[in-house]
C-alpha atoms as a PDB file:
ATOM      1  CA  MET A   1      -2.676 -34.091   3.005  1.00  0.00           C
ATOM      2  CA  VAL A   2      -1.865 -31.144   5.360  1.00  0.00           C
ATOM      3  CA  HIS A   3       1.772 -32.222   5.607  1.00  0.00           C
ATOM      4  CA  LYS A   4       1.989 -32.400   1.821  1.00  0.00           C
ATOM      5  CA  ILE A   5       0.613 -28.899   1.476  1.00  0.00           C
ATOM      6  CA  LEU A   6       2.930 -27.497   4.125  1.00  0.00           C
ATOM      7  CA  SER A   7       5.976 -29.104   2.486  1.00  0.00           C
ATOM      8  CA  ASP A   8       5.191 -27.798  -0.985  1.00  0.00           C
ATOM      9  CA  LYS A   9       7.552 -24.949  -1.757  1.00  0.00           C
ATOM     10  CA  PRO A  10       5.234 -22.950  -4.086  1.00  0.00           C
ATOM     11  CA  THR A  11       2.496 -23.186  -1.459  1.00  0.00           C
ATOM     12  CA  LYS A  12       4.763 -22.013   1.322  1.00  0.00           C
ATOM     13  CA  LEU A  13       5.954 -19.188  -0.906  1.00  0.00           C
ATOM     14  CA  PHE A  14       2.394 -18.027  -1.666  1.00  0.00           C
ATOM     15  CA  VAL A  15       1.431 -18.140   2.025  1.00  0.00           C
ATOM     16  CA  ALA A  16       4.477 -16.086   2.958  1.00  0.00           C
ATOM     17  CA  LEU A  17       3.924 -13.523   0.177  1.00  0.00           C
ATOM     18  CA  ALA A  18       0.206 -13.231   0.888  1.00  0.00           C
ATOM     19  CA  SER A  19       0.791 -12.907   4.607  1.00  0.00           C
ATOM     20  CA  PHE A  20       3.294 -10.112   4.182  1.00  0.00           C
ATOM     21  CA  PHE A  21       1.122  -8.413   1.607  1.00  0.00           C
ATOM     22  CA  VAL A  22      -1.916  -8.297   3.922  1.00  0.00           C
ATOM     23  CA  ALA A  23       0.078  -7.371   7.036  1.00  0.00           C
ATOM     24  CA  ASN A  24       1.982  -4.587   5.210  1.00  0.00           C
ATOM     25  CA  ALA A  25      -1.314  -3.132   3.852  1.00  0.00           C
ATOM     26  CA  LEU A  26      -2.920  -3.178   7.302  1.00  0.00           C
ATOM     27  CA  ILE A  27       0.079  -1.578   8.954  1.00  0.00           C
ATOM     28  CA  ALA A  28       0.182   1.131   6.259  1.00  0.00           C
ATOM     29  CA  GLU A  29      -3.479   1.891   6.929  1.00  0.00           C
ATOM     30  CA  CYS A  30      -2.848   2.106  10.692  1.00  0.00           C
ATOM     31  CA  ILE A  31       0.082   4.472  10.449  1.00  0.00           C
ATOM     32  CA  GLY A  32      -1.506   6.541   7.717  1.00  0.00           C
ATOM     33  CA  GLY A  33      -3.053   8.945  10.191  1.00  0.00           C
ATOM     34  CA  LYS A  34       0.340  10.497  10.942  1.00  0.00           C
ATOM     35  CA  LEU A  35       1.724  13.122   8.592  1.00  0.00           C
ATOM     36  CA  LEU A  36       5.495  13.406   8.095  1.00  0.00           C
ATOM     37  CA  SER A  37       7.596  16.209   6.666  1.00  0.00           C
ATOM     38  CA  LEU A  38       9.771  14.708   3.919  1.00  0.00           C
ATOM     39  CA  GLU A  39      11.997  17.769   3.930  1.00  0.00           C
ATOM     40  CA  LYS A  40      12.797  17.326   7.595  1.00  0.00           C
ATOM     41  CA  VAL A  41      13.541  13.624   7.068  1.00  0.00           C
ATOM     42  CA  PHE A  42      16.481  14.802   4.970  1.00  0.00           C
ATOM     43  CA  GLY A  43      17.391  17.544   7.447  1.00  0.00           C
ATOM     44  CA  MET A  44      15.951  20.422   5.462  1.00  0.00           C
ATOM     45  CA  GLU A  45      13.427  23.056   6.445  1.00  0.00           C
ATOM     46  CA  PRO A  46      10.161  22.966   4.420  1.00  0.00           C
ATOM     47  CA  GLN A  47      10.117  25.543   1.605  1.00  0.00           C
ATOM     48  CA  PRO A  48       6.500  26.248   0.609  1.00  0.00           C
ATOM     49  CA  PHE A  49       5.882  26.312  -3.138  1.00  0.00           C
ATOM     50  CA  THR A  50       2.954  26.829  -5.575  1.00  0.00           C
ATOM     51  CA  LEU A  51       1.598  24.113  -7.885  1.00  0.00           C
ATOM     52  CA  LEU A  52      -1.478  24.359 -10.159  1.00  0.00           C
ATOM     53  CA  GLY A  53      -2.287  27.688  -8.568  1.00  0.00           C
ATOM     54  CA  GLU A  54      -2.242  26.273  -5.049  1.00  0.00           C
ATOM     55  CA  SER A  55       0.192  28.031  -2.721  1.00  0.00           C
ATOM     56  CA  GLY A  56       1.771  27.081   0.572  1.00  0.00           C
ATOM     57  CA  LEU A  57       2.428  23.425  -0.432  1.00  0.00           C
ATOM     58  CA  THR A  58       5.176  21.340   1.113  1.00  0.00           C
ATOM     59  CA  TYR A  59       6.210  17.705   0.999  1.00  0.00           C
ATOM     60  CA  THR A  60       3.883  16.699   3.817  1.00  0.00           C
ATOM     61  CA  LEU A  61       2.939  13.066   3.337  1.00  0.00           C
ATOM     62  CA  SER A  62       1.046  10.373   5.164  1.00  0.00           C
ATOM     63  CA  CYS A  63       3.293   7.867   6.875  1.00  0.00           C
ATOM     64  CA  GLY A  64       1.404   5.196   4.953  1.00  0.00           C
ATOM     65  CA  VAL A  65       3.440   6.081   1.851  1.00  0.00           C
ATOM     66  CA  LEU A  66       6.448   4.594   3.540  1.00  0.00           C
ATOM     67  CA  LEU A  67       5.029   1.093   3.150  1.00  0.00           C
ATOM     68  CA  TRP A  68       2.800   1.336   0.013  1.00  0.00           C
ATOM     69  CA  PRO A  69       5.731   1.016  -2.418  1.00  0.00           C
ATOM     70  CA  LEU A  70       6.504  -2.362  -0.851  1.00  0.00           C
ATOM     71  CA  GLU A  71       2.853  -3.319  -1.475  1.00  0.00           C
ATOM     72  CA  PHE A  72       3.274  -2.791  -5.193  1.00  0.00           C
ATOM     73  CA  ILE A  73       6.554  -4.701  -5.261  1.00  0.00           C
ATOM     74  CA  MET A  74       4.791  -7.610  -3.606  1.00  0.00           C
ATOM     75  CA  THR A  75       1.972  -7.329  -6.210  1.00  0.00           C
ATOM     76  CA  ASP A  76       4.523  -7.670  -9.008  1.00  0.00           C
ATOM     77  CA  ILE A  77       6.273 -10.602  -7.349  1.00  0.00           C
ATOM     78  CA  VAL A  78       2.973 -12.502  -6.824  1.00  0.00           C
ATOM     79  CA  ASN A  79       1.908 -11.647 -10.348  1.00  0.00           C
ATOM     80  CA  GLU A  80       5.177 -12.944 -11.728  1.00  0.00           C
ATOM     81  CA  TYR A  81       4.945 -16.356 -10.104  1.00  0.00           C
ATOM     82  CA  PHE A  82       1.215 -16.937  -9.470  1.00  0.00           C
ATOM     83  CA  GLY A  83      -0.644 -14.749 -11.954  1.00  0.00           C
ATOM     84  CA  GLN A  84      -3.437 -12.180 -12.027  1.00  0.00           C
ATOM     85  CA  LYS A  85      -5.991 -14.282 -10.247  1.00  0.00           C
ATOM     86  CA  ALA A  86      -3.750 -14.738  -7.209  1.00  0.00           C
ATOM     87  CA  VAL A  87      -3.083 -10.986  -6.954  1.00  0.00           C
ATOM     88  CA  ARG A  88      -6.787 -10.204  -7.195  1.00  0.00           C
ATOM     89  CA  ARG A  89      -7.553 -12.767  -4.498  1.00  0.00           C
ATOM     90  CA  ILE A  90      -5.058 -11.480  -1.952  1.00  0.00           C
ATOM     91  CA  SER A  91      -6.143  -7.904  -2.718  1.00  0.00           C
ATOM     92  CA  TYR A  92      -9.768  -8.766  -1.918  1.00  0.00           C
ATOM     93  CA  ILE A  93      -8.616 -10.547   1.283  1.00  0.00           C
ATOM     94  CA  ALA A  94      -6.625  -7.459   2.290  1.00  0.00           C
ATOM     95  CA  VAL A  95      -9.560  -5.134   1.712  1.00  0.00           C
ATOM     96  CA  VAL A  96     -11.880  -7.395   3.769  1.00  0.00           C
ATOM     97  CA  LEU A  97      -9.369  -7.665   6.634  1.00  0.00           C
ATOM     98  CA  ILE A  98      -8.589  -3.894   6.625  1.00  0.00           C
ATOM     99  CA  SER A  99     -12.366  -3.238   6.743  1.00  0.00           C
ATOM    100  CA  TYR A 100     -12.608  -5.658   9.641  1.00  0.00           C
ATOM    101  CA  ALA A 101      -9.754  -3.894  11.399  1.00  0.00           C
ATOM    102  CA  PHE A 102     -11.461  -0.487  11.054  1.00  0.00           C
ATOM    103  CA  PHE A 103     -14.685  -1.991  12.405  1.00  0.00           C
ATOM    104  CA  CYS A 104     -12.762  -3.253  15.416  1.00  0.00           C
ATOM    105  CA  PHE A 105     -11.092   0.135  15.905  1.00  0.00           C
ATOM    106  CA  TYR A 106     -14.470   1.894  15.944  1.00  0.00           C
ATOM    107  CA  ALA A 107     -15.920  -0.704  18.284  1.00  0.00           C
ATOM    108  CA  ALA A 108     -12.922  -0.208  20.658  1.00  0.00           C
ATOM    109  CA  ILE A 109     -13.245   3.579  20.413  1.00  0.00           C
ATOM    110  CA  ASN A 110     -16.910   3.437  21.463  1.00  0.00           C
ATOM    111  CA  THR A 111     -16.604   1.056  24.364  1.00  0.00           C
ATOM    112  CA  PRO A 112     -16.812   2.694  27.817  1.00  0.00           C
ATOM    113  CA  SER A 113     -13.400   3.803  29.069  1.00  0.00           C
ATOM    114  CA  ASP A 114     -11.935   3.163  32.468  1.00  0.00           C
ATOM    115  CA  THR A 115     -11.934   6.604  34.036  1.00  0.00           C
ATOM    116  CA  SER A 116     -10.454   5.569  37.372  1.00  0.00           C
ATOM    117  CA  PHE A 117      -6.982   5.037  35.917  1.00  0.00           C
ATOM    118  CA  TRP A 118      -6.562   4.625  32.142  1.00  0.00           C
ATOM    119  CA  VAL A 119      -7.881   7.923  30.830  1.00  0.00           C
ATOM    120  CA  THR A 120      -5.390   9.956  32.860  1.00  0.00           C
ATOM    121  CA  SER A 121      -2.662   7.318  33.135  1.00  0.00           C
ATOM    122  CA  GLN A 122      -0.294   9.153  30.731  1.00  0.00           C
ATOM    123  CA  LYS A 123      -0.937  12.624  31.982  1.00  0.00           C
ATOM    124  CA  ASP A 124       2.636  12.988  33.169  1.00  0.00           C
ATOM    125  CA  SER A 125       3.854  12.129  29.670  1.00  0.00           C
ATOM    126  CA  GLY A 126       1.841  14.957  28.107  1.00  0.00           C
ATOM    127  CA  ILE A 127      -1.288  12.957  27.200  1.00  0.00           C
ATOM    128  CA  PRO A 128      -4.096  14.239  29.396  1.00  0.00           C
ATOM    129  CA  ASP A 129      -6.862  12.149  27.849  1.00  0.00           C
ATOM    130  CA  MET A 130      -5.987   8.647  26.621  1.00  0.00           C
ATOM    131  CA  GLN A 131      -9.507   8.160  25.218  1.00  0.00           C
ATOM    132  CA  ALA A 132      -9.094  11.291  23.020  1.00  0.00           C
ATOM    133  CA  ALA A 133      -5.617  10.131  21.959  1.00  0.00           C
ATOM    134  CA  PHE A 134      -6.874   6.642  21.129  1.00  0.00           C
ATOM    135  CA  SER A 135      -9.782   8.022  19.115  1.00  0.00           C
ATOM    136  CA  GLY A 136      -7.559  10.444  17.270  1.00  0.00           C
ATOM    137  CA  ILE A 137      -5.122   7.775  16.203  1.00  0.00           C
ATOM    138  CA  PHE A 138      -7.505   4.976  15.239  1.00  0.00           C
ATOM    139  CA  GLY A 139     -10.658   6.929  14.414  1.00  0.00           C
ATOM    140  CA  GLN A 140      -9.944   8.074  10.853  1.00  0.00           C
ATOM    141  CA  GLY A 141     -12.746   9.785   9.029  1.00  0.00           C
ATOM    142  CA  MET A 142     -15.160   7.631   7.101  1.00  0.00           C
ATOM    143  CA  TRP A 143     -14.381   9.295   3.760  1.00  0.00           C
ATOM    144  CA  ILE A 144     -10.634   8.730   4.347  1.00  0.00           C
ATOM    145  CA  ILE A 145     -11.320   5.101   5.016  1.00  0.00           C
ATOM    146  CA  VAL A 146     -13.511   4.647   1.978  1.00  0.00           C
ATOM    147  CA  GLY A 147     -11.035   6.523  -0.228  1.00  0.00           C
ATOM    148  CA  SER A 148      -8.135   4.530   1.043  1.00  0.00           C
ATOM    149  CA  LEU A 149      -9.806   1.174   0.480  1.00  0.00           C
ATOM    150  CA  MET A 150     -11.120   2.084  -2.946  1.00  0.00           C
ATOM    151  CA  ALA A 151      -7.745   3.482  -4.018  1.00  0.00           C
ATOM    152  CA  PHE A 152      -5.957   0.346  -2.796  1.00  0.00           C
ATOM    153  CA  LEU A 153      -8.255  -2.027  -4.645  1.00  0.00           C
ATOM    154  CA  ILE A 154      -8.501  -0.096  -7.893  1.00  0.00           C
ATOM    155  CA  SER A 155      -4.728   0.551  -8.020  1.00  0.00           C
ATOM    156  CA  GLN A 156      -3.980  -3.129  -7.407  1.00  0.00           C
ATOM    157  CA  LEU A 157      -6.238  -4.166 -10.281  1.00  0.00           C
ATOM    158  CA  VAL A 158      -4.603  -1.574 -12.521  1.00  0.00           C
ATOM    159  CA  ASP A 159      -1.147  -2.761 -11.460  1.00  0.00           C
ATOM    160  CA  VAL A 160      -2.038  -6.358 -12.304  1.00  0.00           C
ATOM    161  CA  TRP A 161      -3.396  -5.469 -15.718  1.00  0.00           C
ATOM    162  CA  VAL A 162      -0.484  -3.218 -16.786  1.00  0.00           C
ATOM    163  CA  PHE A 163       2.040  -5.763 -15.498  1.00  0.00           C
ATOM    164  CA  HIS A 164       0.423  -8.559 -17.462  1.00  0.00           C
ATOM    165  CA  LYS A 165       0.137  -6.515 -20.658  1.00  0.00           C
ATOM    166  CA  ILE A 166       3.802  -5.507 -20.551  1.00  0.00           C
ATOM    167  CA  LYS A 167       4.854  -9.100 -19.877  1.00  0.00           C
ATOM    168  CA  GLN A 168       2.906 -10.258 -22.935  1.00  0.00           C
ATOM    169  CA  TYR A 169       5.253  -8.179 -25.091  1.00  0.00           C
ATOM    170  CA  THR A 170       8.493  -8.646 -23.141  1.00  0.00           C
ATOM    171  CA  GLY A 171       8.231 -12.276 -21.987  1.00  0.00           C
ATOM    172  CA  GLU A 172      10.779 -13.168 -19.298  1.00  0.00           C
ATOM    173  CA  LYS A 173      12.977 -10.252 -20.294  1.00  0.00           C
ATOM    174  CA  LYS A 174      12.919  -6.682 -18.971  1.00  0.00           C
ATOM    175  CA  VAL A 175      11.689  -7.358 -15.455  1.00  0.00           C
ATOM    176  CA  TRP A 176      12.403  -3.733 -14.614  1.00  0.00           C
ATOM    177  CA  LEU A 177      10.062  -2.475 -17.326  1.00  0.00           C
ATOM    178  CA  ARG A 178       6.974  -4.446 -16.262  1.00  0.00           C
ATOM    179  CA  ALA A 179       7.642  -4.000 -12.542  1.00  0.00           C
ATOM    180  CA  THR A 180       8.419  -0.271 -12.653  1.00  0.00           C
ATOM    181  CA  GLY A 181       5.918   0.448 -15.445  1.00  0.00           C
ATOM    182  CA  SER A 182       3.036  -1.176 -13.622  1.00  0.00           C
ATOM    183  CA  THR A 183       3.947   0.469 -10.352  1.00  0.00           C
ATOM    184  CA  VAL A 184       4.317   4.019 -11.661  1.00  0.00           C
ATOM    185  CA  VAL A 185       0.901   3.774 -13.333  1.00  0.00           C
ATOM    186  CA  SER A 186      -0.917   2.223 -10.342  1.00  0.00           C
ATOM    187  CA  GLN A 187       0.723   4.566  -7.857  1.00  0.00           C
ATOM    188  CA  PHE A 188      -0.707   7.563  -9.661  1.00  0.00           C
ATOM    189  CA  VAL A 189      -4.176   5.944  -9.632  1.00  0.00           C
ATOM    190  CA  ASP A 190      -3.740   5.212  -5.924  1.00  0.00           C
ATOM    191  CA  SER A 191      -2.689   8.768  -5.118  1.00  0.00           C
ATOM    192  CA  PHE A 192      -5.489  10.350  -7.080  1.00  0.00           C
ATOM    193  CA  VAL A 193      -8.383   8.083  -6.033  1.00  0.00           C
ATOM    194  CA  VAL A 194      -7.705   8.370  -2.283  1.00  0.00           C
ATOM    195  CA  LEU A 195      -7.420  12.184  -2.358  1.00  0.00           C
ATOM    196  CA  PHE A 196     -10.411  12.640  -4.702  1.00  0.00           C
ATOM    197  CA  ILE A 197     -12.722  10.523  -2.563  1.00  0.00           C
ATOM    198  CA  ALA A 198     -11.455  11.637   0.852  1.00  0.00           C
ATOM    199  CA  PHE A 199     -11.047  15.322   0.184  1.00  0.00           C
ATOM    200  CA  GLN A 200     -12.953  16.490  -2.905  1.00  0.00           C
ATOM    201  CA  ILE A 201     -16.010  14.331  -2.302  1.00  0.00           C
ATOM    202  CA  GLY A 202     -15.667  14.070   1.512  1.00  0.00           C
ATOM    203  CA  ARG A 203     -14.613  17.606   2.317  1.00  0.00           C
ATOM    204  CA  GLY A 204     -15.331  19.678  -0.789  1.00  0.00           C
ATOM    205  CA  TRP A 205     -11.754  20.568  -1.636  1.00  0.00           C
ATOM    206  CA  SER A 206     -11.205  22.115  -5.074  1.00  0.00           C
ATOM    207  CA  PHE A 207      -9.989  19.842  -7.853  1.00  0.00           C
ATOM    208  CA  PRO A 208      -6.799  21.859  -8.438  1.00  0.00           C
ATOM    209  CA  ARG A 209      -5.804  21.401  -4.788  1.00  0.00           C
ATOM    210  CA  VAL A 210      -6.576  17.719  -4.855  1.00  0.00           C
ATOM    211  CA  MET A 211      -4.591  17.389  -8.086  1.00  0.00           C
ATOM    212  CA  ALA A 212      -1.651  19.365  -6.652  1.00  0.00           C
ATOM    213  CA  LEU A 213      -1.503  17.162  -3.569  1.00  0.00           C
ATOM    214  CA  CYS A 214      -1.800  14.108  -5.806  1.00  0.00           C
ATOM    215  CA  LEU A 215       1.216  15.175  -7.851  1.00  0.00           C
ATOM    216  CA  ILE A 216       3.278  15.798  -4.693  1.00  0.00           C
ATOM    217  CA  SER A 217       2.462  12.379  -3.312  1.00  0.00           C
ATOM    218  CA  TYR A 218       3.022  10.748  -6.696  1.00  0.00           C
ATOM    219  CA  SER A 219       6.390  12.380  -7.239  1.00  0.00           C
ATOM    220  CA  TYR A 220       7.600  10.728  -4.023  1.00  0.00           C
ATOM    221  CA  LYS A 221       6.126   7.385  -4.919  1.00  0.00           C
ATOM    222  CA  PHE A 222       7.522   7.557  -8.436  1.00  0.00           C
ATOM    223  CA  ALA A 223      11.045   8.220  -7.124  1.00  0.00           C
ATOM    224  CA  VAL A 224      10.783   5.375  -4.610  1.00  0.00           C
ATOM    225  CA  ALA A 225       9.488   3.013  -7.270  1.00  0.00           C
ATOM    226  CA  LEU A 226      12.583   3.683  -9.366  1.00  0.00           C
ATOM    227  CA  LEU A 227      14.916   3.324  -6.414  1.00  0.00           C
ATOM    228  CA  LEU A 228      13.352   0.011  -5.400  1.00  0.00           C
ATOM    229  CA  THR A 229      13.492  -1.543  -8.874  1.00  0.00           C
ATOM    230  CA  PRO A 230      16.747  -3.453  -8.153  1.00  0.00           C
ATOM    231  CA  ILE A 231      15.008  -5.152  -5.206  1.00  0.00           C
ATOM    232  CA  ILE A 232      12.721  -6.882  -7.684  1.00  0.00           C
ATOM    233  CA  TYR A 233      15.758  -8.600  -9.216  1.00  0.00           C
ATOM    234  CA  LEU A 234      17.164  -9.537  -5.835  1.00  0.00           C
ATOM    235  CA  VAL A 235      13.854 -10.982  -4.565  1.00  0.00           C
ATOM    236  CA  GLU A 236      13.307 -12.945  -7.779  1.00  0.00           C
ATOM    237  CA  ARG A 237      16.828 -14.395  -7.525  1.00  0.00           C
ATOM    238  CA  ILE A 238      16.172 -15.500  -3.984  1.00  0.00           C
ATOM    239  CA  ILE A 239      12.845 -17.044  -4.960  1.00  0.00           C
ATOM    240  CA  ASP A 240      14.281 -18.812  -8.022  1.00  0.00           C
ATOM    241  CA  ASN A 241      17.016 -20.326  -5.855  1.00  0.00           C
ATOM    242  CA  TYR A 242      14.404 -21.366  -3.281  1.00  0.00           C
ATOM    243  CA  LEU A 243      12.025 -22.987  -5.775  1.00  0.00           C
ATOM    244  CA  GLY A 244      14.636 -24.288  -8.139  1.00  0.00           C
ATOM    245  CA  HIS A 245      15.074 -22.713 -11.569  1.00  0.00           C
ATOM    246  CA  ASP A 246      12.991 -25.307 -13.424  1.00  0.00           C
ATOM    247  CA  THR A 247      10.028 -24.981 -11.030  1.00  0.00           C
ATOM    248  CA  ALA A 248      10.325 -21.123 -11.093  1.00  0.00           C
ATOM    249  CA  ARG A 249      10.344 -21.149 -14.902  1.00  0.00           C
ATOM    250  CA  GLU A 250       7.251 -23.381 -15.014  1.00  0.00           C
ATOM    251  CA  MET A 251       5.424 -21.202 -12.517  1.00  0.00           C
ATOM    252  CA  LYS A 252       6.157 -17.996 -14.469  1.00  0.00           C
ATOM    253  CA  ALA A 253       4.942 -19.533 -17.670  1.00  0.00           C
ATOM    254  CA  ALA A 254       1.761 -20.761 -15.964  1.00  0.00           C
ATOM    255  CA  ALA A 255       1.230 -17.359 -14.404  1.00  0.00           C
ATOM    256  CA  MET A 256       0.907 -15.770 -17.844  1.00  0.00           C
ATOM    257  CA  THR A 257      -2.312 -17.673 -18.496  1.00  0.00           C
ATOM    258  CA  LYS A 258      -3.877 -17.539 -15.022  1.00  0.00           C
ATOM    259  CA  GLY A 259      -6.806 -15.185 -14.583  1.00  0.00           C
ATOM    260  CA  GLU A 260      -7.235 -14.319 -18.250  1.00  0.00           C
END
């Protein structure tokens, strides 16, 4: 029985996609505590601007946004071949495992530290207190964690729904429309929910500021979603060749009815 499961191509494909999906989400959460300057990535100095009455804004983004576009691509791929129910299931699994990871982080932060060596072990490298550094990296605020998890789950469900609705009208044609369309909608939801929960509810920031930051983050995600659209076609071609075109066609047809 086990050998039959492990030799089944659709099963192996689902395991591979689900594993990457969960791992990518977890890594994105872990690196999300670092902020990057998008302007400096392209060799430019930040030029502060005003949006919705909020001044001094720049393209300062969480490093987590580097990986989240891949998450929505994976959502569309899983939805295409396995249906809505499969996407919802791996999304729930990802949320549970990310929550478990944060629990482990906080447990590790609060365990007694070795003060004889470890705490000062990187002092010569400019890190005088390893415990403080460890806590700063892994100890994200509770509202940020809640906002991130809620944004991830809600945006995934929105992505699934929009993708499925578009596919009902387009059938097998216009992959770019359902993939990009579902992503640009869900990315906006993701950007807004995480900022609203983490900073308006959690820290009392004004709605205009939250909305301005949402639009900045979303503009980056929107651009990346468009640029990554060709990858959807490439990945689907690879998967179709791996499964065989007849099997792939059957799976896509079955995916239309799953989870309705």
